[in-house]
Amino acid sequence: LRFQLELEFVQCLANPAYLQYLAQQRHFDNPALINYLAYLKYWQKPEYAKYIQFPYALHILDLLQHESFRKACASADTAAFLHKKQYYHWEAYR
């Protein structure tokens, strides 16, 4: 169960609107969440990463280790930028 919950949460990080929500609700100000995000970096190991359907989430997980990025996530401009970046990546990846 823990595996599934953590997998789902990591993959939710690929959603710019969810990141914006977390930032606007000040969840990124919670030291427990910051520690949890650091803990979740184990998903970047190949034996766990193979279960990730949205690999972009792992990049976002890296970015969330930085306070400046967490603060920027509250901005609609940042959410729009991340959404466009994802879209163009997926468009070119095919």
PDB file of N, CA and C in Angstrom:
ATOM      1  N   LEU A   1       0.828  -1.192   0.000  1.00  0.00           N
ATOM      2  CA  LEU A   1       0.000   0.000   0.000  1.00  0.00           C
ATOM      3  C   LEU A   1       0.876   1.261   0.000  1.00  0.00           C
ATOM      4  N   ARG A   2       1.915   1.263   0.820  1.00  0.00           N
ATOM      5  CA  ARG A   2       2.804   2.429   0.881  1.00  0.00           C
ATOM      6  C   ARG A   2       3.443   2.684  -0.483  1.00  0.00           C
ATOM      7  N   PHE A   3       3.880   1.603  -1.126  1.00  0.00           N
ATOM      8  CA  PHE A   3       4.484   1.708  -2.457  1.00  0.00           C
ATOM      9  C   PHE A   3       3.531   2.416  -3.416  1.00  0.00           C
ATOM     10  N   GLN A   4       2.277   1.995  -3.437  1.00  0.00           N
ATOM     11  CA  GLN A   4       1.292   2.579  -4.346  1.00  0.00           C
ATOM     12  C   GLN A   4       1.015   4.042  -4.025  1.00  0.00           C
ATOM     13  N   LEU A   5       0.896   4.359  -2.753  1.00  0.00           N
ATOM     14  CA  LEU A   5       0.618   5.743  -2.360  1.00  0.00           C
ATOM     15  C   LEU A   5       1.770   6.670  -2.740  1.00  0.00           C
ATOM     16  N   GLU A   6       2.981   6.217  -2.492  1.00  0.00           N
ATOM     17  CA  GLU A   6       4.138   7.050  -2.829  1.00  0.00           C
ATOM     18  C   GLU A   6       4.302   7.171  -4.338  1.00  0.00           C
ATOM     19  N   LEU A   7       4.054   6.092  -5.062  1.00  0.00           N
ATOM     20  CA  LEU A   7       4.116   6.137  -6.522  1.00  0.00           C
ATOM     21  C   LEU A   7       3.101   7.135  -7.066  1.00  0.00           C
ATOM     22  N   GLU A   8       1.887   7.078  -6.566  1.00  0.00           N
ATOM     23  CA  GLU A   8       0.844   7.988  -7.024  1.00  0.00           C
ATOM     24  C   GLU A   8       1.200   9.442  -6.705  1.00  0.00           C
ATOM     25  N   PHE A   9       1.710   9.685  -5.513  1.00  0.00           N
ATOM     26  CA  PHE A   9       2.069  11.052  -5.140  1.00  0.00           C
ATOM     27  C   PHE A   9       3.188  11.586  -6.029  1.00  0.00           C
ATOM     28  N   VAL A  10       4.219  10.787  -6.254  1.00  0.00           N
ATOM     29  CA  VAL A  10       5.331  11.228  -7.113  1.00  0.00           C
ATOM     30  C   VAL A  10       4.804  11.569  -8.502  1.00  0.00           C
ATOM     31  N   GLN A  11       3.919  10.744  -9.030  1.00  0.00           N
ATOM     32  CA  GLN A  11       3.397  11.004 -10.370  1.00  0.00           C
ATOM     33  C   GLN A  11       2.503  12.244 -10.400  1.00  0.00           C
ATOM     34  N   CYS A  12       1.839  12.547  -9.309  1.00  0.00           N
ATOM     35  CA  CYS A  12       1.027  13.767  -9.236  1.00  0.00           C
ATOM     36  C   CYS A  12       1.888  15.019  -9.366  1.00  0.00           C
ATOM     37  N   LEU A  13       3.160  14.893  -9.035  1.00  0.00           N
ATOM     38  CA  LEU A  13       4.055  16.049  -9.126  1.00  0.00           C
ATOM     39  C   LEU A  13       4.269  16.494 -10.567  1.00  0.00           C
ATOM     40  N   ALA A  14       3.885  15.678 -11.532  1.00  0.00           N
ATOM     41  CA  ALA A  14       3.999  16.060 -12.939  1.00  0.00           C
ATOM     42  C   ALA A  14       2.855  16.982 -13.361  1.00  0.00           C
ATOM     43  N   ASN A  15       1.908  17.231 -12.475  1.00  0.00           N
ATOM     44  CA  ASN A  15       0.751  18.064 -12.788  1.00  0.00           C
ATOM     45  C   ASN A  15       1.010  19.497 -12.312  1.00  0.00           C
ATOM     46  N   PRO A  16       1.218  20.441 -13.251  1.00  0.00           N
ATOM     47  CA  PRO A  16       1.506  21.830 -12.856  1.00  0.00           C
ATOM     48  C   PRO A  16       0.402  22.460 -12.002  1.00  0.00           C
ATOM     49  N   ALA A  17      -0.846  22.121 -12.269  1.00  0.00           N
ATOM     50  CA  ALA A  17      -1.946  22.682 -11.477  1.00  0.00           C
ATOM     51  C   ALA A  17      -1.881  22.181 -10.032  1.00  0.00           C
ATOM     52  N   TYR A  18      -1.481  20.945  -9.848  1.00  0.00           N
ATOM     53  CA  TYR A  18      -1.334  20.392  -8.495  1.00  0.00           C
ATOM     54  C   TYR A  18      -0.186  21.080  -7.758  1.00  0.00           C
ATOM     55  N   LEU A  19       0.912  21.309  -8.461  1.00  0.00           N
ATOM     56  CA  LEU A  19       2.040  22.026  -7.853  1.00  0.00           C
ATOM     57  C   LEU A  19       1.622  23.427  -7.426  1.00  0.00           C
ATOM     58  N   GLN A  20       0.850  24.087  -8.296  1.00  0.00           N
ATOM     59  CA  GLN A  20       0.382  25.430  -7.976  1.00  0.00           C
ATOM     60  C   GLN A  20      -0.527  25.390  -6.740  1.00  0.00           C
ATOM     61  N   TYR A  21      -1.406  24.411  -6.683  1.00  0.00           N
ATOM     62  CA  TYR A  21      -2.287  24.260  -5.523  1.00  0.00           C
ATOM     63  C   TYR A  21      -1.474  24.071  -4.238  1.00  0.00           C
ATOM     64  N   LEU A  22      -0.499  23.165  -4.286  1.00  0.00           N
ATOM     65  CA  LEU A  22       0.323  22.917  -3.096  1.00  0.00           C
ATOM     66  C   LEU A  22       1.031  24.192  -2.641  1.00  0.00           C
ATOM     67  N   ALA A  23       1.540  24.953  -3.602  1.00  0.00           N
ATOM     68  CA  ALA A  23       2.253  26.188  -3.263  1.00  0.00           C
ATOM     69  C   ALA A  23       1.295  27.250  -2.721  1.00  0.00           C
ATOM     70  N   GLN A  24       0.157  27.414  -3.377  1.00  0.00           N
ATOM     71  CA  GLN A  24      -0.788  28.441  -2.944  1.00  0.00           C
ATOM     72  C   GLN A  24      -1.400  28.135  -1.577  1.00  0.00           C
ATOM     73  N   GLN A  25      -1.533  26.858  -1.258  1.00  0.00           N
ATOM     74  CA  GLN A  25      -2.064  26.470   0.050  1.00  0.00           C
ATOM     75  C   GLN A  25      -0.961  26.405   1.114  1.00  0.00           C
ATOM     76  N   ARG A  26       0.238  26.792   0.709  1.00  0.00           N
ATOM     77  CA  ARG A  26       1.408  26.889   1.585  1.00  0.00           C
ATOM     78  C   ARG A  26       1.868  25.534   2.144  1.00  0.00           C
ATOM     79  N   HIS A  27       1.566  24.478   1.433  1.00  0.00           N
ATOM     80  CA  HIS A  27       2.045  23.161   1.858  1.00  0.00           C
ATOM     81  C   HIS A  27       3.565  23.069   1.756  1.00  0.00           C
ATOM     82  N   PHE A  28       4.141  23.830   0.817  1.00  0.00           N
ATOM     83  CA  PHE A  28       5.597  23.810   0.657  1.00  0.00           C
ATOM     84  C   PHE A  28       6.317  24.548   1.785  1.00  0.00           C
ATOM     85  N   ASP A  29       5.567  25.164   2.683  1.00  0.00           N
ATOM     86  CA  ASP A  29       6.164  25.800   3.860  1.00  0.00           C
ATOM     87  C   ASP A  29       6.293  24.811   5.025  1.00  0.00           C
ATOM     88  N   ASN A  30       5.742  23.637   4.845  1.00  0.00           N
ATOM     89  CA  ASN A  30       5.737  22.618   5.897  1.00  0.00           C
ATOM     90  C   ASN A  30       7.033  21.801   5.836  1.00  0.00           C
ATOM     91  N   PRO A  31       7.878  21.891   6.857  1.00  0.00           N
ATOM     92  CA  PRO A  31       9.143  21.139   6.848  1.00  0.00           C
ATOM     93  C   PRO A  31       8.944  19.626   6.685  1.00  0.00           C
ATOM     94  N   ALA A  32       7.834  19.104   7.185  1.00  0.00           N
ATOM     95  CA  ALA A  32       7.577  17.664   7.041  1.00  0.00           C
ATOM     96  C   ALA A  32       7.412  17.296   5.567  1.00  0.00           C
ATOM     97  N   LEU A  33       6.737  18.141   4.803  1.00  0.00           N
ATOM     98  CA  LEU A  33       6.576  17.866   3.368  1.00  0.00           C
ATOM     99  C   LEU A  33       7.914  17.988   2.647  1.00  0.00           C
ATOM    100  N   ILE A  34       8.710  18.964   3.014  1.00  0.00           N
ATOM    101  CA  ILE A  34      10.026  19.141   2.388  1.00  0.00           C
ATOM    102  C   ILE A  34      10.888  17.904   2.651  1.00  0.00           C
ATOM    103  N   ASN A  35      10.857  17.402   3.868  1.00  0.00           N
ATOM    104  CA  ASN A  35      11.600  16.178   4.196  1.00  0.00           C
ATOM    105  C   ASN A  35      11.057  14.983   3.422  1.00  0.00           C
ATOM    106  N   TYR A  36       9.749  14.925   3.262  1.00  0.00           N
ATOM    107  CA  TYR A  36       9.125  13.835   2.515  1.00  0.00           C
ATOM    108  C   TYR A  36       9.555  13.876   1.047  1.00  0.00           C
ATOM    109  N   LEU A  37       9.615  15.069   0.473  1.00  0.00           N
ATOM    110  CA  LEU A  37      10.063  15.208  -0.919  1.00  0.00           C
ATOM    111  C   LEU A  37      11.506  14.731  -1.071  1.00  0.00           C
ATOM    112  N   ALA A  38      12.336  15.019  -0.090  1.00  0.00           N
ATOM    113  CA  ALA A  38      13.726  14.540  -0.128  1.00  0.00           C
ATOM    114  C   ALA A  38      13.759  13.016  -0.022  1.00  0.00           C
ATOM    115  N   TYR A  39      12.943  12.467   0.840  1.00  0.00           N
ATOM    116  CA  TYR A  39      12.859  11.012   0.997  1.00  0.00           C
ATOM    117  C   TYR A  39      12.435  10.337  -0.314  1.00  0.00           C
ATOM    118  N   LEU A  40      11.513  10.958  -1.029  1.00  0.00           N
ATOM    119  CA  LEU A  40      10.973  10.360  -2.254  1.00  0.00           C
ATOM    120  C   LEU A  40      11.974  10.284  -3.400  1.00  0.00           C
ATOM    121  N   LYS A  41      13.126  10.865  -3.235  1.00  0.00           N
ATOM    122  CA  LYS A  41      14.131  10.808  -4.305  1.00  0.00           C
ATOM    123  C   LYS A  41      14.575   9.375  -4.611  1.00  0.00           C
ATOM    124  N   TYR A  42      14.256   8.439  -3.732  1.00  0.00           N
ATOM    125  CA  TYR A  42      14.608   7.042  -4.026  1.00  0.00           C
ATOM    126  C   TYR A  42      13.906   6.546  -5.288  1.00  0.00           C
ATOM    127  N   TRP A  43      12.824   7.214  -5.691  1.00  0.00           N
ATOM    128  CA  TRP A  43      12.116   6.827  -6.915  1.00  0.00           C
ATOM    129  C   TRP A  43      12.970   7.034  -8.154  1.00  0.00           C
ATOM    130  N   GLN A  44      14.043   7.770  -8.039  1.00  0.00           N
ATOM    131  CA  GLN A  44      14.923   7.994  -9.187  1.00  0.00           C
ATOM    132  C   GLN A  44      15.858   6.816  -9.442  1.00  0.00           C
ATOM    133  N   LYS A  45      15.926   5.891  -8.522  1.00  0.00           N
ATOM    134  CA  LYS A  45      16.734   4.687  -8.732  1.00  0.00           C
ATOM    135  C   LYS A  45      16.034   3.809  -9.773  1.00  0.00           C
ATOM    136  N   PRO A  46      16.806   3.198 -10.672  1.00  0.00           N
ATOM    137  CA  PRO A  46      16.208   2.410 -11.760  1.00  0.00           C
ATOM    138  C   PRO A  46      15.202   1.350 -11.305  1.00  0.00           C
ATOM    139  N   GLU A  47      15.457   0.717 -10.177  1.00  0.00           N
ATOM    140  CA  GLU A  47      14.545  -0.343  -9.732  1.00  0.00           C
ATOM    141  C   GLU A  47      13.169   0.189  -9.322  1.00  0.00           C
ATOM    142  N   TYR A  48      13.072   1.497  -9.068  1.00  0.00           N
ATOM    143  CA  TYR A  48      11.787   2.122  -8.760  1.00  0.00           C
ATOM    144  C   TYR A  48      11.279   2.952  -9.935  1.00  0.00           C
ATOM    145  N   ALA A  49      12.175   3.625 -10.626  1.00  0.00           N
ATOM    146  CA  ALA A  49      11.790   4.508 -11.732  1.00  0.00           C
ATOM    147  C   ALA A  49      11.043   3.760 -12.831  1.00  0.00           C
ATOM    148  N   LYS A  50      11.276   2.478 -12.958  1.00  0.00           N
ATOM    149  CA  LYS A  50      10.604   1.704 -14.012  1.00  0.00           C
ATOM    150  C   LYS A  50       9.087   1.667 -13.826  1.00  0.00           C
ATOM    151  N   TYR A  51       8.602   2.007 -12.646  1.00  0.00           N
ATOM    152  CA  TYR A  51       7.159   2.018 -12.390  1.00  0.00           C
ATOM    153  C   TYR A  51       6.511   3.375 -12.677  1.00  0.00           C
ATOM    154  N   ILE A  52       7.315   4.373 -12.914  1.00  0.00           N
ATOM    155  CA  ILE A  52       6.812   5.731 -13.149  1.00  0.00           C
ATOM    156  C   ILE A  52       6.278   5.842 -14.577  1.00  0.00           C
ATOM    157  N   GLN A  53       5.028   6.277 -14.711  1.00  0.00           N
ATOM    158  CA  GLN A  53       4.434   6.461 -16.034  1.00  0.00           C
ATOM    159  C   GLN A  53       4.731   7.844 -16.602  1.00  0.00           C
ATOM    160  N   PHE A  54       5.021   8.793 -15.738  1.00  0.00           N
ATOM    161  CA  PHE A  54       5.299  10.164 -16.154  1.00  0.00           C
ATOM    162  C   PHE A  54       6.695  10.541 -15.670  1.00  0.00           C
ATOM    163  N   PRO A  55       7.736  10.180 -16.424  1.00  0.00           N
ATOM    164  CA  PRO A  55       9.113  10.426 -15.980  1.00  0.00           C
ATOM    165  C   PRO A  55       9.407  11.894 -15.669  1.00  0.00           C
ATOM    166  N   TYR A  56       8.640  12.792 -16.260  1.00  0.00           N
ATOM    167  CA  TYR A  56       8.807  14.216 -15.989  1.00  0.00           C
ATOM    168  C   TYR A  56       8.648  14.497 -14.490  1.00  0.00           C
ATOM    169  N   ALA A  57       7.872  13.679 -13.806  1.00  0.00           N
ATOM    170  CA  ALA A  57       7.663  13.851 -12.364  1.00  0.00           C
ATOM    171  C   ALA A  57       8.978  13.750 -11.599  1.00  0.00           C
ATOM    172  N   LEU A  58       9.890  12.939 -12.093  1.00  0.00           N
ATOM    173  CA  LEU A  58      11.187  12.800 -11.417  1.00  0.00           C
ATOM    174  C   LEU A  58      12.014  14.074 -11.555  1.00  0.00           C
ATOM    175  N   HIS A  59      11.887  14.743 -12.693  1.00  0.00           N
ATOM    176  CA  HIS A  59      12.572  16.030 -12.879  1.00  0.00           C
ATOM    177  C   HIS A  59      11.973  17.072 -11.930  1.00  0.00           C
ATOM    178  N   ILE A  60      10.656  17.082 -11.841  1.00  0.00           N
ATOM    179  CA  ILE A  60       9.986  18.017 -10.932  1.00  0.00           C
ATOM    180  C   ILE A  60      10.387  17.725  -9.483  1.00  0.00           C
ATOM    181  N   LEU A  61      10.498  16.454  -9.142  1.00  0.00           N
ATOM    182  CA  LEU A  61      10.931  16.086  -7.790  1.00  0.00           C
ATOM    183  C   LEU A  61      12.300  16.684  -7.483  1.00  0.00           C
ATOM    184  N   ASP A  62      13.190  16.673  -8.466  1.00  0.00           N
ATOM    185  CA  ASP A  62      14.499  17.322  -8.292  1.00  0.00           C
ATOM    186  C   ASP A  62      14.344  18.822  -8.071  1.00  0.00           C
ATOM    187  N   LEU A  63      13.525  19.451  -8.906  1.00  0.00           N
ATOM    188  CA  LEU A  63      13.333  20.898  -8.794  1.00  0.00           C
ATOM    189  C   LEU A  63      12.715  21.288  -7.450  1.00  0.00           C
ATOM    190  N   LEU A  64      11.854  20.437  -6.926  1.00  0.00           N
ATOM    191  CA  LEU A  64      11.195  20.735  -5.651  1.00  0.00           C
ATOM    192  C   LEU A  64      12.140  20.688  -4.458  1.00  0.00           C
ATOM    193  N   GLN A  65      13.348  20.247  -4.671  1.00  0.00           N
ATOM    194  CA  GLN A  65      14.341  20.259  -3.596  1.00  0.00           C
ATOM    195  C   GLN A  65      14.847  21.685  -3.349  1.00  0.00           C
ATOM    196  N   HIS A  66      14.508  22.610  -4.258  1.00  0.00           N
ATOM    197  CA  HIS A  66      14.983  23.996  -4.184  1.00  0.00           C
ATOM    198  C   HIS A  66      13.843  24.925  -3.758  1.00  0.00           C
ATOM    199  N   GLU A  67      14.083  25.692  -2.732  1.00  0.00           N
ATOM    200  CA  GLU A  67      13.064  26.594  -2.207  1.00  0.00           C
ATOM    201  C   GLU A  67      12.578  27.591  -3.256  1.00  0.00           C
ATOM    202  N   SER A  68      13.477  28.084  -4.084  1.00  0.00           N
ATOM    203  CA  SER A  68      13.077  29.069  -5.093  1.00  0.00           C
ATOM    204  C   SER A  68      12.053  28.484  -6.066  1.00  0.00           C
ATOM    205  N   PHE A  69      12.222  27.221  -6.441  1.00  0.00           N
ATOM    206  CA  PHE A  69      11.248  26.589  -7.334  1.00  0.00           C
ATOM    207  C   PHE A  69       9.915  26.390  -6.613  1.00  0.00           C
ATOM    208  N   ARG A  70       9.965  25.948  -5.370  1.00  0.00           N
ATOM    209  CA  ARG A  70       8.725  25.742  -4.612  1.00  0.00           C
ATOM    210  C   ARG A  70       7.935  27.038  -4.508  1.00  0.00           C
ATOM    211  N   LYS A  71       8.621  28.145  -4.289  1.00  0.00           N
ATOM    212  CA  LYS A  71       7.933  29.441  -4.208  1.00  0.00           C
ATOM    213  C   LYS A  71       7.373  29.850  -5.565  1.00  0.00           C
ATOM    214  N   ALA A  72       8.128  29.593  -6.621  1.00  0.00           N
ATOM    215  CA  ALA A  72       7.687  29.958  -7.971  1.00  0.00           C
ATOM    216  C   ALA A  72       6.439  29.185  -8.388  1.00  0.00           C
ATOM    217  N   CYS A  73       6.238  28.019  -7.822  1.00  0.00           N
ATOM    218  CA  CYS A  73       5.087  27.185  -8.194  1.00  0.00           C
ATOM    219  C   CYS A  73       3.749  27.851  -7.880  1.00  0.00           C
ATOM    220  N   ALA A  74       3.723  28.823  -7.002  1.00  0.00           N
ATOM    221  CA  ALA A  74       2.479  29.511  -6.660  1.00  0.00           C
ATOM    222  C   ALA A  74       1.989  30.394  -7.802  1.00  0.00           C
ATOM    223  N   SER A  75       2.863  30.728  -8.709  1.00  0.00           N
ATOM    224  CA  SER A  75       2.538  31.633  -9.809  1.00  0.00           C
ATOM    225  C   SER A  75       1.825  30.911 -10.948  1.00  0.00           C
ATOM    226  N   ALA A  76       0.798  31.553 -11.474  1.00  0.00           N
ATOM    227  CA  ALA A  76       0.096  31.009 -12.642  1.00  0.00           C
ATOM    228  C   ALA A  76       1.036  30.953 -13.842  1.00  0.00           C
ATOM    229  N   ASP A  77       1.961  31.906 -13.924  1.00  0.00           N
ATOM    230  CA  ASP A  77       2.925  31.910 -15.032  1.00  0.00           C
ATOM    231  C   ASP A  77       3.827  30.677 -14.981  1.00  0.00           C
ATOM    232  N   THR A  78       4.247  30.291 -13.796  1.00  0.00           N
ATOM    233  CA  THR A  78       5.088  29.099 -13.656  1.00  0.00           C
ATOM    234  C   THR A  78       4.303  27.852 -14.040  1.00  0.00           C
ATOM    235  N   ALA A  79       3.065  27.759 -13.585  1.00  0.00           N
ATOM    236  CA  ALA A  79       2.230  26.601 -13.933  1.00  0.00           C
ATOM    237  C   ALA A  79       2.039  26.524 -15.447  1.00  0.00           C
ATOM    238  N   ALA A  80       1.793  27.671 -16.084  1.00  0.00           N
ATOM    239  CA  ALA A  80       1.613  27.689 -17.539  1.00  0.00           C
ATOM    240  C   ALA A  80       2.906  27.302 -18.250  1.00  0.00           C
ATOM    241  N   PHE A  81       4.035  27.792 -17.756  1.00  0.00           N
ATOM    242  CA  PHE A  81       5.329  27.452 -18.351  1.00  0.00           C
ATOM    243  C   PHE A  81       5.588  25.948 -18.260  1.00  0.00           C
ATOM    244  N   LEU A  82       5.351  25.373 -17.091  1.00  0.00           N
ATOM    245  CA  LEU A  82       5.565  23.936 -16.911  1.00  0.00           C
ATOM    246  C   LEU A  82       4.637  23.126 -17.814  1.00  0.00           C
ATOM    247  N   HIS A  83       3.400  23.580 -17.932  1.00  0.00           N
ATOM    248  CA  HIS A  83       2.442  22.887 -18.795  1.00  0.00           C
ATOM    249  C   HIS A  83       2.912  22.908 -20.251  1.00  0.00           C
ATOM    250  N   LYS A  84       3.357  24.076 -20.716  1.00  0.00           N
ATOM    251  CA  LYS A  84       3.856  24.183 -22.096  1.00  0.00           C
ATOM    252  C   LYS A  84       5.094  23.318 -22.300  1.00  0.00           C
ATOM    253  N   LYS A  85       5.978  23.334 -21.328  1.00  0.00           N
ATOM    254  CA  LYS A  85       7.203  22.536 -21.430  1.00  0.00           C
ATOM    255  C   LYS A  85       6.859  21.050 -21.551  1.00  0.00           C
ATOM    256  N   GLN A  86       5.925  20.594 -20.749  1.00  0.00           N
ATOM    257  CA  GLN A  86       5.484  19.196 -20.831  1.00  0.00           C
ATOM    258  C   GLN A  86       4.863  18.897 -22.186  1.00  0.00           C
ATOM    259  N   TYR A  87       3.987  19.776 -22.620  1.00  0.00           N
ATOM    260  CA  TYR A  87       3.297  19.563 -23.893  1.00  0.00           C
ATOM    261  C   TYR A  87       4.298  19.420 -25.031  1.00  0.00           C
ATOM    262  N   TYR A  88       5.244  20.334 -25.119  1.00  0.00           N
ATOM    263  CA  TYR A  88       6.211  20.281 -26.222  1.00  0.00           C
ATOM    264  C   TYR A  88       7.142  19.082 -26.103  1.00  0.00           C
ATOM    265  N   HIS A  89       7.432  18.661 -24.888  1.00  0.00           N
ATOM    266  CA  HIS A  89       8.233  17.447 -24.716  1.00  0.00           C
ATOM    267  C   HIS A  89       7.461  16.236 -25.240  1.00  0.00           C
ATOM    268  N   TRP A  90       6.201  16.107 -24.826  1.00  0.00           N
ATOM    269  CA  TRP A  90       5.390  14.963 -25.260  1.00  0.00           C
ATOM    270  C   TRP A  90       5.166  14.986 -26.764  1.00  0.00           C
ATOM    271  N   GLU A  91       4.992  16.189 -27.327  1.00  0.00           N
ATOM    272  CA  GLU A  91       4.776  16.310 -28.772  1.00  0.00           C
ATOM    273  C   GLU A  91       6.016  15.846 -29.539  1.00  0.00           C
ATOM    274  N   ALA A  92       7.186  16.222 -29.074  1.00  0.00           N
ATOM    275  CA  ALA A  92       8.429  15.868 -29.765  1.00  0.00           C
ATOM    276  C   ALA A  92       8.851  14.432 -29.467  1.00  0.00           C
ATOM    277  N   TYR A  93       8.434  13.910 -28.328  1.00  0.00           N
ATOM    278  CA  TYR A  93       8.856  12.571 -27.910  1.00  0.00           C
ATOM    279  C   TYR A  93       8.262  11.484 -28.803  1.00  0.00           C
ATOM    280  N   ARG A  94       7.078  11.739 -29.293  1.00  0.00           N
ATOM    281  CA  ARG A  94       6.412  10.740 -30.134  1.00  0.00           C
ATOM    282  C   ARG A  94       7.171  10.611 -31.380  1.00  0.00           C
TER     283      ARG A  94
END
